[in-house]
PDB file of all heavy atoms in Angstrom:
ATOM      1  N   PRO A   1       2.919   0.916 -10.423  1.00  0.00           N
ATOM      2  CA  PRO A   1       1.937  -0.060 -11.166  1.00  0.00           C
ATOM      3  C   PRO A   1       1.014   0.659 -11.977  1.00  0.00           C
ATOM      4  O   PRO A   1       0.116   1.423 -11.515  1.00  0.00           O
ATOM      5  CB  PRO A   1       1.307  -0.789  -9.996  1.00  0.00           C
ATOM      6  CG  PRO A   1       1.423   0.062  -8.818  1.00  0.00           C
ATOM      7  CD  PRO A   1       2.795   0.814  -8.962  1.00  0.00           C
ATOM      8  N   GLY A   2       1.155   0.563 -13.250  1.00  0.00           N
ATOM      9  CA  GLY A   2       0.242   1.146 -14.186  1.00  0.00           C
ATOM     10  C   GLY A   2       0.281   2.661 -14.248  1.00  0.00           C
ATOM     11  O   GLY A   2      -0.653   3.362 -14.632  1.00  0.00           O
ATOM     12  N   ASN A   3       1.307   3.250 -13.724  1.00  0.00           N
ATOM     13  CA  ASN A   3       1.441   4.734 -13.607  1.00  0.00           C
ATOM     14  C   ASN A   3       0.273   5.303 -12.835  1.00  0.00           C
ATOM     15  O   ASN A   3      -0.210   6.348 -13.045  1.00  0.00           O
ATOM     16  CB  ASN A   3       1.591   5.485 -14.993  1.00  0.00           C
ATOM     17  CG  ASN A   3       2.908   5.182 -15.616  1.00  0.00           C
ATOM     18  OD1 ASN A   3       3.886   5.030 -14.995  1.00  0.00           O
ATOM     19  ND2 ASN A   3       2.923   5.188 -16.950  1.00  0.00           N
ATOM     20  N   ALA A   4      -0.223   4.542 -11.928  1.00  0.00           N
ATOM     21  CA  ALA A   4      -1.427   4.846 -11.113  1.00  0.00           C
ATOM     22  C   ALA A   4      -1.048   4.858  -9.640  1.00  0.00           C
ATOM     23  O   ALA A   4      -0.026   4.344  -9.148  1.00  0.00           O
ATOM     24  CB  ALA A   4      -2.561   3.861 -11.465  1.00  0.00           C
ATOM     25  N   PRO A   5      -1.940   5.433  -8.817  1.00  0.00           N
ATOM     26  CA  PRO A   5      -1.706   5.487  -7.419  1.00  0.00           C
ATOM     27  C   PRO A   5      -1.653   4.020  -6.853  1.00  0.00           C
ATOM     28  O   PRO A   5      -2.160   3.129  -7.343  1.00  0.00           O
ATOM     29  CB  PRO A   5      -2.960   6.250  -6.829  1.00  0.00           C
ATOM     30  CG  PRO A   5      -3.466   6.986  -7.983  1.00  0.00           C
ATOM     31  CD  PRO A   5      -3.191   6.129  -9.162  1.00  0.00           C
ATOM     32  N   LEU A   6      -0.988   3.908  -5.700  1.00  0.00           N
ATOM     33  CA  LEU A   6      -0.928   2.643  -4.937  1.00  0.00           C
ATOM     34  C   LEU A   6      -2.165   2.499  -4.057  1.00  0.00           C
ATOM     35  O   LEU A   6      -2.316   3.378  -3.097  1.00  0.00           O
ATOM     36  CB  LEU A   6       0.443   2.573  -4.201  1.00  0.00           C
ATOM     37  CG  LEU A   6       1.609   2.510  -5.196  1.00  0.00           C
ATOM     38  CD1 LEU A   6       2.911   2.848  -4.390  1.00  0.00           C
ATOM     39  CD2 LEU A   6       1.784   1.060  -5.668  1.00  0.00           C
ATOM     40  N   LYS A   7      -2.919   1.413  -4.241  1.00  0.00           N
ATOM     41  CA  LYS A   7      -4.123   1.290  -3.498  1.00  0.00           C
ATOM     42  C   LYS A   7      -3.993   0.212  -2.418  1.00  0.00           C
ATOM     43  O   LYS A   7      -3.421  -0.872  -2.610  1.00  0.00           O
ATOM     44  CB  LYS A   7      -5.160   0.772  -4.473  1.00  0.00           C
ATOM     45  CG  LYS A   7      -6.583   0.769  -3.927  1.00  0.00           C
ATOM     46  CD  LYS A   7      -7.623   0.443  -5.009  1.00  0.00           C
ATOM     47  CE  LYS A   7      -8.961   0.472  -4.625  1.00  0.00           C
ATOM     48  NZ  LYS A   7      -9.937   0.081  -5.749  1.00  0.00           N
ATOM     49  N   PHE A   8      -4.522   0.657  -1.140  1.00  0.00           N
ATOM     50  CA  PHE A   8      -4.312  -0.257   0.000  1.00  0.00           C
ATOM     51  C   PHE A   8      -5.743  -0.635   0.479  1.00  0.00           C
ATOM     52  O   PHE A   8      -6.408   0.209   1.044  1.00  0.00           O
ATOM     53  CB  PHE A   8      -3.551   0.406   1.059  1.00  0.00           C
ATOM     54  CG  PHE A   8      -2.099   0.692   0.641  1.00  0.00           C
ATOM     55  CD1 PHE A   8      -1.860   1.914  -0.024  1.00  0.00           C
ATOM     56  CD2 PHE A   8      -1.087  -0.196   0.888  1.00  0.00           C
ATOM     57  CE1 PHE A   8      -0.589   2.176  -0.423  1.00  0.00           C
ATOM     58  CE2 PHE A   8       0.222   0.062   0.437  1.00  0.00           C
ATOM     59  CZ  PHE A   8       0.540   1.267  -0.219  1.00  0.00           C
ATOM     60  N   ASN A   9      -6.123  -1.831   0.096  1.00  0.00           N
ATOM     61  CA  ASN A   9      -7.560  -2.300   0.409  1.00  0.00           C
ATOM     62  C   ASN A   9      -7.682  -2.884   1.810  1.00  0.00           C
ATOM     63  O   ASN A   9      -7.329  -3.969   2.076  1.00  0.00           O
ATOM     64  CB  ASN A   9      -7.933  -3.364  -0.607  1.00  0.00           C
ATOM     65  CG  ASN A   9      -8.121  -2.775  -2.040  1.00  0.00           C
ATOM     66  OD1 ASN A   9      -8.932  -1.913  -2.261  1.00  0.00           O
ATOM     67  ND2 ASN A   9      -7.212  -3.250  -2.966  1.00  0.00           N
ATOM     68  N   GLU A  10      -8.020  -1.937   2.721  1.00  0.00           N
ATOM     69  CA  GLU A  10      -8.342  -2.341   4.128  1.00  0.00           C
ATOM     70  C   GLU A  10      -9.419  -1.474   4.588  1.00  0.00           C
ATOM     71  O   GLU A  10      -9.254  -0.249   4.740  1.00  0.00           O
ATOM     72  CB  GLU A  10      -7.017  -2.166   4.969  1.00  0.00           C
ATOM     73  CG  GLU A  10      -7.221  -2.344   6.462  1.00  0.00           C
ATOM     74  CD  GLU A  10      -7.386  -3.860   6.710  1.00  0.00           C
ATOM     75  OE1 GLU A  10      -6.961  -4.739   5.913  1.00  0.00           O
ATOM     76  OE2 GLU A  10      -8.024  -4.245   7.789  1.00  0.00           O
ATOM     77  N   GLN A  11     -10.502  -1.982   4.889  1.00  0.00           N
ATOM     78  CA  GLN A  11     -11.585  -1.231   5.362  1.00  0.00           C
ATOM     79  C   GLN A  11     -11.278  -0.673   6.754  1.00  0.00           C
ATOM     80  O   GLN A  11     -10.777  -1.395   7.628  1.00  0.00           O
ATOM     81  CB  GLN A  11     -12.873  -2.084   5.484  1.00  0.00           C
ATOM     82  CG  GLN A  11     -14.200  -1.183   5.638  1.00  0.00           C
ATOM     83  CD  GLN A  11     -15.397  -1.987   5.319  1.00  0.00           C
ATOM     84  OE1 GLN A  11     -15.360  -3.276   5.113  1.00  0.00           O
ATOM     85  NE2 GLN A  11     -16.487  -1.349   5.053  1.00  0.00           N
ATOM     86  N   PHE A  12     -11.590   0.671   7.021  1.00  0.00           N
ATOM     87  CA  PHE A  12     -11.208   1.209   8.290  1.00  0.00           C
ATOM     88  C   PHE A  12     -12.222   2.311   8.598  1.00  0.00           C
ATOM     89  O   PHE A  12     -13.026   2.720   7.750  1.00  0.00           O
ATOM     90  CB  PHE A  12      -9.828   1.745   8.257  1.00  0.00           C
ATOM     91  CG  PHE A  12      -9.632   2.921   7.323  1.00  0.00           C
ATOM     92  CD1 PHE A  12      -9.648   4.204   7.862  1.00  0.00           C
ATOM     93  CD2 PHE A  12      -9.459   2.763   6.024  1.00  0.00           C
ATOM     94  CE1 PHE A  12      -9.427   5.312   6.986  1.00  0.00           C
ATOM     95  CE2 PHE A  12      -9.188   3.807   5.144  1.00  0.00           C
ATOM     96  CZ  PHE A  12      -9.251   5.130   5.607  1.00  0.00           C
ATOM     97  N   GLU A  13     -12.275   2.772   9.871  1.00  0.00           N
ATOM     98  CA  GLU A  13     -13.128   3.824  10.346  1.00  0.00           C
ATOM     99  C   GLU A  13     -12.414   5.035  10.610  1.00  0.00           C
ATOM    100  O   GLU A  13     -11.263   4.929  11.095  1.00  0.00           O
ATOM    101  CB  GLU A  13     -13.964   3.373  11.621  1.00  0.00           C
ATOM    102  CG  GLU A  13     -14.793   2.088  11.407  1.00  0.00           C
ATOM    103  CD  GLU A  13     -15.405   1.703  12.743  1.00  0.00           C
ATOM    104  OE1 GLU A  13     -16.109   2.518  13.329  1.00  0.00           O
ATOM    105  OE2 GLU A  13     -15.118   0.547  13.165  1.00  0.00           O
ATOM    106  N   ILE A  14     -13.114   6.255  10.580  1.00  0.00           N
ATOM    107  CA  ILE A  14     -12.698   7.369  11.277  1.00  0.00           C
ATOM    108  C   ILE A  14     -13.730   7.601  12.334  1.00  0.00           C
ATOM    109  O   ILE A  14     -14.917   7.854  12.079  1.00  0.00           O
ATOM    110  CB  ILE A  14     -12.620   8.553  10.283  1.00  0.00           C
ATOM    111  CG1 ILE A  14     -11.465   8.374   9.236  1.00  0.00           C
ATOM    112  CG2 ILE A  14     -12.301   9.889  11.109  1.00  0.00           C
ATOM    113  CD1 ILE A  14     -11.394   9.429   8.147  1.00  0.00           C
ATOM    114  N   ARG A  15     -13.305   7.553  13.552  1.00  0.00           N
ATOM    115  CA  ARG A  15     -14.165   7.617  14.755  1.00  0.00           C
ATOM    116  C   ARG A  15     -14.111   8.949  15.385  1.00  0.00           C
ATOM    117  O   ARG A  15     -13.135   9.612  15.433  1.00  0.00           O
ATOM    118  CB  ARG A  15     -13.733   6.590  15.763  1.00  0.00           C
ATOM    119  CG  ARG A  15     -13.720   5.124  15.209  1.00  0.00           C
ATOM    120  CD  ARG A  15     -13.210   4.102  16.109  1.00  0.00           C
ATOM    121  NE  ARG A  15     -13.297   2.706  15.669  1.00  0.00           N
ATOM    122  CZ  ARG A  15     -12.757   1.664  16.257  1.00  0.00           C
ATOM    123  NH1 ARG A  15     -12.146   1.788  17.463  1.00  0.00           N
ATOM    124  NH2 ARG A  15     -12.951   0.437  15.731  1.00  0.00           N
ATOM    125  N   GLU A  16     -15.304   9.361  15.950  1.00  0.00           N
ATOM    126  CA  GLU A  16     -15.322  10.664  16.626  1.00  0.00           C
ATOM    127  C   GLU A  16     -14.481  10.709  17.809  1.00  0.00           C
ATOM    128  O   GLU A  16     -14.332   9.802  18.603  1.00  0.00           O
ATOM    129  CB  GLU A  16     -16.737  10.811  17.040  1.00  0.00           C
ATOM    130  CG  GLU A  16     -17.066  12.244  17.690  1.00  0.00           C
ATOM    131  CD  GLU A  16     -18.622  12.450  18.053  1.00  0.00           C
ATOM    132  OE1 GLU A  16     -19.343  11.487  17.853  1.00  0.00           O
ATOM    133  OE2 GLU A  16     -18.846  13.559  18.428  1.00  0.00           O
ATOM    134  N   ASN A  17     -13.733  11.887  17.889  1.00  0.00           N
ATOM    135  CA  ASN A  17     -12.782  12.176  18.952  1.00  0.00           C
ATOM    136  C   ASN A  17     -11.770  11.020  19.213  1.00  0.00           C
ATOM    137  O   ASN A  17     -11.498  10.676  20.212  1.00  0.00           O
ATOM    138  CB  ASN A  17     -13.594  12.398  20.333  1.00  0.00           C
ATOM    139  CG  ASN A  17     -14.547  13.482  20.158  1.00  0.00           C
ATOM    140  OD1 ASN A  17     -14.301  14.580  19.657  1.00  0.00           O
ATOM    141  ND2 ASN A  17     -15.733  13.383  20.847  1.00  0.00           N
ATOM    142  N   ALA A  18     -11.286  10.495  18.090  1.00  0.00           N
ATOM    143  CA  ALA A  18     -10.285   9.423  18.106  1.00  0.00           C
ATOM    144  C   ALA A  18      -9.375   9.574  17.002  1.00  0.00           C
ATOM    145  O   ALA A  18      -9.613  10.354  15.992  1.00  0.00           O
ATOM    146  CB  ALA A  18     -10.978   8.050  18.012  1.00  0.00           C
ATOM    147  N   ARG A  19      -8.188   9.038  17.101  1.00  0.00           N
ATOM    148  CA  ARG A  19      -7.099   9.052  16.032  1.00  0.00           C
ATOM    149  C   ARG A  19      -6.982   7.699  15.500  1.00  0.00           C
ATOM    150  O   ARG A  19      -6.626   6.742  16.166  1.00  0.00           O
ATOM    151  CB  ARG A  19      -5.758   9.530  16.771  1.00  0.00           C
ATOM    152  CG  ARG A  19      -4.579   9.789  15.755  1.00  0.00           C
ATOM    153  CD  ARG A  19      -3.394  10.249  16.618  1.00  0.00           C
ATOM    154  NE  ARG A  19      -2.410  10.695  15.746  1.00  0.00           N
ATOM    155  CZ  ARG A  19      -1.259   9.960  15.447  1.00  0.00           C
ATOM    156  NH1 ARG A  19      -1.188   8.692  15.936  1.00  0.00           N
ATOM    157  NH2 ARG A  19      -0.256  10.396  14.639  1.00  0.00           N
ATOM    158  N   THR A  20      -7.231   7.703  14.149  1.00  0.00           N
ATOM    159  CA  THR A  20      -7.056   6.459  13.360  1.00  0.00           C
ATOM    160  C   THR A  20      -5.653   6.556  12.663  1.00  0.00           C
ATOM    161  O   THR A  20      -5.403   7.520  11.973  1.00  0.00           O
ATOM    162  CB  THR A  20      -8.127   6.288  12.322  1.00  0.00           C
ATOM    163  OG1 THR A  20      -9.350   6.234  12.982  1.00  0.00           O
ATOM    164  CG2 THR A  20      -7.893   5.024  11.464  1.00  0.00           C
ATOM    165  N   THR A  21      -4.805   5.570  12.933  1.00  0.00           N
ATOM    166  CA  THR A  21      -3.478   5.604  12.253  1.00  0.00           C
ATOM    167  C   THR A  21      -3.513   4.459  11.232  1.00  0.00           C
ATOM    168  O   THR A  21      -3.666   3.246  11.550  1.00  0.00           O
ATOM    169  CB  THR A  21      -2.355   5.367  13.243  1.00  0.00           C
ATOM    170  OG1 THR A  21      -2.329   6.319  14.252  1.00  0.00           O
ATOM    171  CG2 THR A  21      -1.021   5.324  12.445  1.00  0.00           C
ATOM    172  N   PHE A  22      -3.342   4.832   9.907  1.00  0.00           N
ATOM    173  CA  PHE A  22      -3.401   3.889   8.798  1.00  0.00           C
ATOM    174  C   PHE A  22      -1.907   3.775   8.280  1.00  0.00           C
ATOM    175  O   PHE A  22      -1.327   4.792   7.874  1.00  0.00           O
ATOM    176  CB  PHE A  22      -4.267   4.363   7.661  1.00  0.00           C
ATOM    177  CG  PHE A  22      -4.478   3.416   6.523  1.00  0.00           C
ATOM    178  CD1 PHE A  22      -5.758   2.773   6.466  1.00  0.00           C
ATOM    179  CD2 PHE A  22      -3.495   3.204   5.651  1.00  0.00           C
ATOM    180  CE1 PHE A  22      -5.980   1.777   5.473  1.00  0.00           C
ATOM    181  CE2 PHE A  22      -3.797   2.246   4.505  1.00  0.00           C
ATOM    182  CZ  PHE A  22      -4.851   1.588   4.555  1.00  0.00           C
ATOM    183  N   THR A  23      -1.296   2.550   8.437  1.00  0.00           N
ATOM    184  CA  THR A  23       0.012   2.370   7.906  1.00  0.00           C
ATOM    185  C   THR A  23       0.001   1.676   6.590  1.00  0.00           C
ATOM    186  O   THR A  23      -0.489   0.428   6.562  1.00  0.00           O
ATOM    187  CB  THR A  23       0.832   1.562   8.977  1.00  0.00           C
ATOM    188  OG1 THR A  23       0.837   2.280  10.127  1.00  0.00           O
ATOM    189  CG2 THR A  23       2.264   1.400   8.455  1.00  0.00           C
ATOM    190  N   ALA A  24       0.522   2.215   5.568  1.00  0.00           N
ATOM    191  CA  ALA A  24       0.521   1.682   4.249  1.00  0.00           C
ATOM    192  C   ALA A  24       1.899   1.093   3.935  1.00  0.00           C
ATOM    193  O   ALA A  24       2.898   1.657   4.278  1.00  0.00           O
ATOM    194  CB  ALA A  24       0.260   2.703   3.180  1.00  0.00           C
ATOM    195  N   ASP A  25       1.942  -0.167   3.395  1.00  0.00           N
ATOM    196  CA  ASP A  25       3.135  -0.890   3.344  1.00  0.00           C
ATOM    197  C   ASP A  25       3.573  -1.074   1.905  1.00  0.00           C
ATOM    198  O   ASP A  25       2.727  -1.519   0.951  1.00  0.00           O
ATOM    199  CB  ASP A  25       2.994  -2.282   3.973  1.00  0.00           C
ATOM    200  CG  ASP A  25       4.267  -2.966   4.319  1.00  0.00           C
ATOM    201  OD1 ASP A  25       5.266  -2.584   3.788  1.00  0.00           O
ATOM    202  OD2 ASP A  25       4.249  -3.861   5.104  1.00  0.00           O
ATOM    203  N   PHE A  26       4.780  -0.766   1.455  1.00  0.00           N
ATOM    204  CA  PHE A  26       5.339  -0.892   0.046  1.00  0.00           C
ATOM    205  C   PHE A  26       6.292  -2.040   0.117  1.00  0.00           C
ATOM    206  O   PHE A  26       6.865  -2.456   1.025  1.00  0.00           O
ATOM    207  CB  PHE A  26       6.082   0.327  -0.319  1.00  0.00           C
ATOM    208  CG  PHE A  26       5.267   1.656  -0.438  1.00  0.00           C
ATOM    209  CD1 PHE A  26       5.242   2.549   0.641  1.00  0.00           C
ATOM    210  CD2 PHE A  26       4.513   1.882  -1.524  1.00  0.00           C
ATOM    211  CE1 PHE A  26       4.498   3.762   0.565  1.00  0.00           C
ATOM    212  CE2 PHE A  26       3.814   3.042  -1.691  1.00  0.00           C
ATOM    213  CZ  PHE A  26       3.846   3.927  -0.599  1.00  0.00           C
ATOM    214  N   ALA A  27       6.577  -2.537  -1.197  1.00  0.00           N
ATOM    215  CA  ALA A  27       7.627  -3.461  -1.457  1.00  0.00           C
ATOM    216  C   ALA A  27       8.134  -3.284  -2.808  1.00  0.00           C
ATOM    217  O   ALA A  27       7.353  -3.324  -3.793  1.00  0.00           O
ATOM    218  CB  ALA A  27       7.161  -4.846  -1.231  1.00  0.00           C
ATOM    219  N   PRO A  28       9.500  -3.065  -3.053  1.00  0.00           N
ATOM    220  CA  PRO A  28      10.001  -3.124  -4.370  1.00  0.00           C
ATOM    221  C   PRO A  28      10.315  -4.474  -4.850  1.00  0.00           C
ATOM    222  O   PRO A  28      10.943  -5.278  -4.106  1.00  0.00           O
ATOM    223  CB  PRO A  28      11.274  -2.256  -4.321  1.00  0.00           C
ATOM    224  CG  PRO A  28      11.699  -2.518  -2.828  1.00  0.00           C
ATOM    225  CD  PRO A  28      10.478  -2.705  -2.016  1.00  0.00           C
ATOM    226  N   VAL A  29       9.904  -4.848  -6.049  1.00  0.00           N
ATOM    227  CA  VAL A  29      10.022  -6.268  -6.505  1.00  0.00           C
ATOM    228  C   VAL A  29      10.779  -6.284  -7.817  1.00  0.00           C
ATOM    229  O   VAL A  29      10.481  -5.513  -8.741  1.00  0.00           O
ATOM    230  CB  VAL A  29       8.735  -6.910  -6.712  1.00  0.00           C
ATOM    231  CG1 VAL A  29       8.874  -8.384  -7.265  1.00  0.00           C
ATOM    232  CG2 VAL A  29       7.873  -6.936  -5.403  1.00  0.00           C
ATOM    233  N   LEU A  30      11.912  -6.996  -7.933  1.00  0.00           N
ATOM    234  CA  LEU A  30      12.713  -7.067  -9.091  1.00  0.00           C
ATOM    235  C   LEU A  30      12.025  -7.970 -10.075  1.00  0.00           C
ATOM    236  O   LEU A  30      11.515  -9.093  -9.851  1.00  0.00           O
ATOM    237  CB  LEU A  30      14.070  -7.668  -8.812  1.00  0.00           C
ATOM    238  CG  LEU A  30      14.959  -7.918 -10.017  1.00  0.00           C
ATOM    239  CD1 LEU A  30      15.343  -6.573 -10.645  1.00  0.00           C
ATOM    240  CD2 LEU A  30      16.212  -8.689  -9.619  1.00  0.00           C
ATOM    241  N   ARG A  31      11.866  -7.441 -11.299  1.00  0.00           N
ATOM    242  CA  ARG A  31      11.178  -8.094 -12.401  1.00  0.00           C
ATOM    243  C   ARG A  31      12.148  -8.728 -13.383  1.00  0.00           C
ATOM    244  O   ARG A  31      13.348  -8.442 -13.347  1.00  0.00           O
ATOM    245  CB  ARG A  31      10.153  -7.206 -13.146  1.00  0.00           C
ATOM    246  CG  ARG A  31       9.112  -6.655 -12.165  1.00  0.00           C
ATOM    247  CD  ARG A  31       8.036  -5.786 -12.874  1.00  0.00           C
ATOM    248  NE  ARG A  31       8.603  -4.632 -13.405  1.00  0.00           N
ATOM    249  CZ  ARG A  31       7.971  -3.847 -14.234  1.00  0.00           C
ATOM    250  NH1 ARG A  31       6.748  -4.147 -14.637  1.00  0.00           N
ATOM    251  NH2 ARG A  31       8.582  -2.726 -14.675  1.00  0.00           N
ATOM    252  N   GLY A  32      11.538  -9.486 -14.362  1.00  0.00           N
ATOM    253  CA  GLY A  32      12.422 -10.228 -15.278  1.00  0.00           C
ATOM    254  C   GLY A  32      13.176  -9.311 -16.209  1.00  0.00           C
ATOM    255  O   GLY A  32      14.176  -9.807 -16.860  1.00  0.00           O
ATOM    256  N   ASN A  33      12.776  -8.154 -16.460  1.00  0.00           N
ATOM    257  CA  ASN A  33      13.428  -7.267 -17.315  1.00  0.00           C
ATOM    258  C   ASN A  33      14.449  -6.387 -16.653  1.00  0.00           C
ATOM    259  O   ASN A  33      14.965  -5.408 -17.259  1.00  0.00           O
ATOM    260  CB  ASN A  33      12.395  -6.334 -18.010  1.00  0.00           C
ATOM    261  CG  ASN A  33      11.590  -5.473 -17.011  1.00  0.00           C
ATOM    262  OD1 ASN A  33      11.783  -5.480 -15.880  1.00  0.00           O
ATOM    263  ND2 ASN A  33      10.633  -4.676 -17.581  1.00  0.00           N
ATOM    264  N   GLY A  34      14.852  -6.731 -15.438  1.00  0.00           N
ATOM    265  CA  GLY A  34      15.877  -5.916 -14.718  1.00  0.00           C
ATOM    266  C   GLY A  34      15.307  -4.641 -14.045  1.00  0.00           C
ATOM    267  O   GLY A  34      16.149  -3.970 -13.403  1.00  0.00           O
ATOM    268  N   ARG A  35      14.100  -4.302 -14.207  1.00  0.00           N
ATOM    269  CA  ARG A  35      13.509  -3.133 -13.578  1.00  0.00           C
ATOM    270  C   ARG A  35      12.777  -3.631 -12.291  1.00  0.00           C
ATOM    271  O   ARG A  35      12.465  -4.766 -12.125  1.00  0.00           O
ATOM    272  CB  ARG A  35      12.468  -2.534 -14.485  1.00  0.00           C
ATOM    273  CG  ARG A  35      13.111  -2.030 -15.826  1.00  0.00           C
ATOM    274  CD  ARG A  35      11.956  -1.547 -16.838  1.00  0.00           C
ATOM    275  NE  ARG A  35      11.494  -0.269 -16.358  1.00  0.00           N
ATOM    276  CZ  ARG A  35      11.923   0.928 -16.706  1.00  0.00           C
ATOM    277  NH1 ARG A  35      12.998   0.985 -17.495  1.00  0.00           N
ATOM    278  NH2 ARG A  35      11.460   2.038 -16.199  1.00  0.00           N
ATOM    279  N   TYR A  36      12.505  -2.648 -11.476  1.00  0.00           N
ATOM    280  CA  TYR A  36      11.780  -2.900 -10.225  1.00  0.00           C
ATOM    281  C   TYR A  36      10.378  -2.335 -10.252  1.00  0.00           C
ATOM    282  O   TYR A  36      10.110  -1.323 -11.004  1.00  0.00           O
ATOM    283  CB  TYR A  36      12.501  -2.275  -8.954  1.00  0.00           C
ATOM    284  CG  TYR A  36      13.795  -2.946  -8.753  1.00  0.00           C
ATOM    285  CD1 TYR A  36      14.963  -2.443  -9.428  1.00  0.00           C
ATOM    286  CD2 TYR A  36      13.972  -3.930  -7.744  1.00  0.00           C
ATOM    287  CE1 TYR A  36      16.255  -3.135  -9.139  1.00  0.00           C
ATOM    288  CE2 TYR A  36      15.190  -4.447  -7.443  1.00  0.00           C
ATOM    289  CZ  TYR A  36      16.284  -4.125  -8.245  1.00  0.00           C
ATOM    290  OH  TYR A  36      17.559  -4.668  -7.937  1.00  0.00           O
ATOM    291  N   LEU A  37       9.420  -3.008  -9.553  1.00  0.00           N
ATOM    292  CA  LEU A  37       8.074  -2.509  -9.514  1.00  0.00           C
ATOM    293  C   LEU A  37       7.713  -2.267  -8.031  1.00  0.00           C
ATOM    294  O   LEU A  37       7.887  -3.082  -7.191  1.00  0.00           O
ATOM    295  CB  LEU A  37       7.043  -3.592 -10.099  1.00  0.00           C
ATOM    296  CG  LEU A  37       5.639  -3.171 -10.114  1.00  0.00           C
ATOM    297  CD1 LEU A  37       5.331  -1.995 -10.991  1.00  0.00           C
ATOM    298  CD2 LEU A  37       4.773  -4.269 -10.476  1.00  0.00           C
ATOM    299  N   LEU A  38       7.201  -1.094  -7.713  1.00  0.00           N
ATOM    300  CA  LEU A  38       6.761  -0.769  -6.361  1.00  0.00           C
ATOM    301  C   LEU A  38       5.361  -1.199  -6.238  1.00  0.00           C
ATOM    302  O   LEU A  38       4.454  -0.766  -6.929  1.00  0.00           O
ATOM    303  CB  LEU A  38       6.967   0.789  -6.131  1.00  0.00           C
ATOM    304  CG  LEU A  38       6.739   1.247  -4.718  1.00  0.00           C
ATOM    305  CD1 LEU A  38       7.883   0.733  -3.863  1.00  0.00           C
ATOM    306  CD2 LEU A  38       6.755   2.804  -4.731  1.00  0.00           C
ATOM    307  N   ARG A  39       5.060  -2.021  -5.192  1.00  0.00           N
ATOM    308  CA  ARG A  39       3.758  -2.599  -5.019  1.00  0.00           C
ATOM    309  C   ARG A  39       3.348  -2.413  -3.608  1.00  0.00           C
ATOM    310  O   ARG A  39       4.068  -2.437  -2.680  1.00  0.00           O
ATOM    311  CB  ARG A  39       3.786  -4.082  -5.358  1.00  0.00           C
ATOM    312  CG  ARG A  39       3.871  -4.383  -6.866  1.00  0.00           C
ATOM    313  CD  ARG A  39       3.702  -5.760  -7.234  1.00  0.00           C
ATOM    314  NE  ARG A  39       3.568  -6.023  -8.643  1.00  0.00           N
ATOM    315  CZ  ARG A  39       3.432  -7.183  -9.226  1.00  0.00           C
ATOM    316  NH1 ARG A  39       3.472  -8.292  -8.452  1.00  0.00           N
ATOM    317  NH2 ARG A  39       3.283  -7.289 -10.533  1.00  0.00           N
ATOM    318  N   PRO A  40       1.979  -2.358  -3.386  1.00  0.00           N
ATOM    319  CA  PRO A  40       1.463  -2.426  -2.023  1.00  0.00           C
ATOM    320  C   PRO A  40       1.477  -3.847  -1.465  1.00  0.00           C
ATOM    321  O   PRO A  40       1.414  -4.763  -2.212  1.00  0.00           O
ATOM    322  CB  PRO A  40      -0.036  -1.941  -2.164  1.00  0.00           C
ATOM    323  CG  PRO A  40      -0.314  -2.334  -3.609  1.00  0.00           C
ATOM    324  CD  PRO A  40       0.936  -2.238  -4.399  1.00  0.00           C
ATOM    325  N   VAL A  41       1.579  -3.919  -0.175  1.00  0.00           N
ATOM    326  CA  VAL A  41       1.559  -5.268   0.521  1.00  0.00           C
ATOM    327  C   VAL A  41       0.352  -5.362   1.457  1.00  0.00           C
ATOM    328  O   VAL A  41       0.487  -4.816   2.592  1.00  0.00           O
ATOM    329  CB  VAL A  41       2.949  -5.459   1.209  1.00  0.00           C
ATOM    330  CG1 VAL A  41       2.963  -6.841   1.940  1.00  0.00           C
ATOM    331  CG2 VAL A  41       4.072  -5.312   0.279  1.00  0.00           C
ATOM    332  N   PRO A  42      -0.702  -5.966   1.117  1.00  0.00           N
ATOM    333  CA  PRO A  42      -1.850  -6.003   1.942  1.00  0.00           C
ATOM    334  C   PRO A  42      -1.515  -6.629   3.299  1.00  0.00           C
ATOM    335  O   PRO A  42      -2.070  -6.161   4.347  1.00  0.00           O
ATOM    336  CB  PRO A  42      -2.821  -6.857   1.136  1.00  0.00           C
ATOM    337  CG  PRO A  42      -2.420  -6.722  -0.248  1.00  0.00           C
ATOM    338  CD  PRO A  42      -0.959  -6.604  -0.247  1.00  0.00           C
ATOM    339  N   SER A  43      -0.674  -7.608   3.407  1.00  0.00           N
ATOM    340  CA  SER A  43      -0.472  -8.305   4.711  1.00  0.00           C
ATOM    341  C   SER A  43       0.249  -7.332   5.665  1.00  0.00           C
ATOM    342  O   SER A  43       0.319  -7.639   6.891  1.00  0.00           O
ATOM    343  CB  SER A  43       0.310  -9.614   4.490  1.00  0.00           C
ATOM    344  OG  SER A  43       1.625  -9.286   3.982  1.00  0.00           O
ATOM    345  N   GLY A  44       0.837  -6.266   5.192  1.00  0.00           N
ATOM    346  CA  GLY A  44       1.508  -5.286   6.038  1.00  0.00           C
ATOM    347  C   GLY A  44       0.626  -4.179   6.486  1.00  0.00           C
ATOM    348  O   GLY A  44       1.197  -3.301   7.251  1.00  0.00           O
ATOM    349  N   ILE A  45      -0.478  -3.987   5.981  1.00  0.00           N
ATOM    350  CA  ILE A  45      -1.378  -2.892   6.329  1.00  0.00           C
ATOM    351  C   ILE A  45      -1.718  -2.994   7.790  1.00  0.00           C
ATOM    352  O   ILE A  45      -2.141  -4.005   8.257  1.00  0.00           O
ATOM    353  CB  ILE A  45      -2.650  -2.802   5.453  1.00  0.00           C
ATOM    354  CG1 ILE A  45      -2.250  -2.611   3.942  1.00  0.00           C
ATOM    355  CG2 ILE A  45      -3.556  -1.707   5.931  1.00  0.00           C
ATOM    356  CD1 ILE A  45      -3.457  -2.817   3.091  1.00  0.00           C
TER     357      ILE A  45
END
């Protein structure tokens, strides 16, 4: 998207003496021009 990084908007914490696991979700979507666009999926974060 826009030759830019893929942004995953989910507020999260890094906690002391703890492990935070952030899972980022992608989806390739076929567009009308026959090309695919790689997009983030907020509902899968």
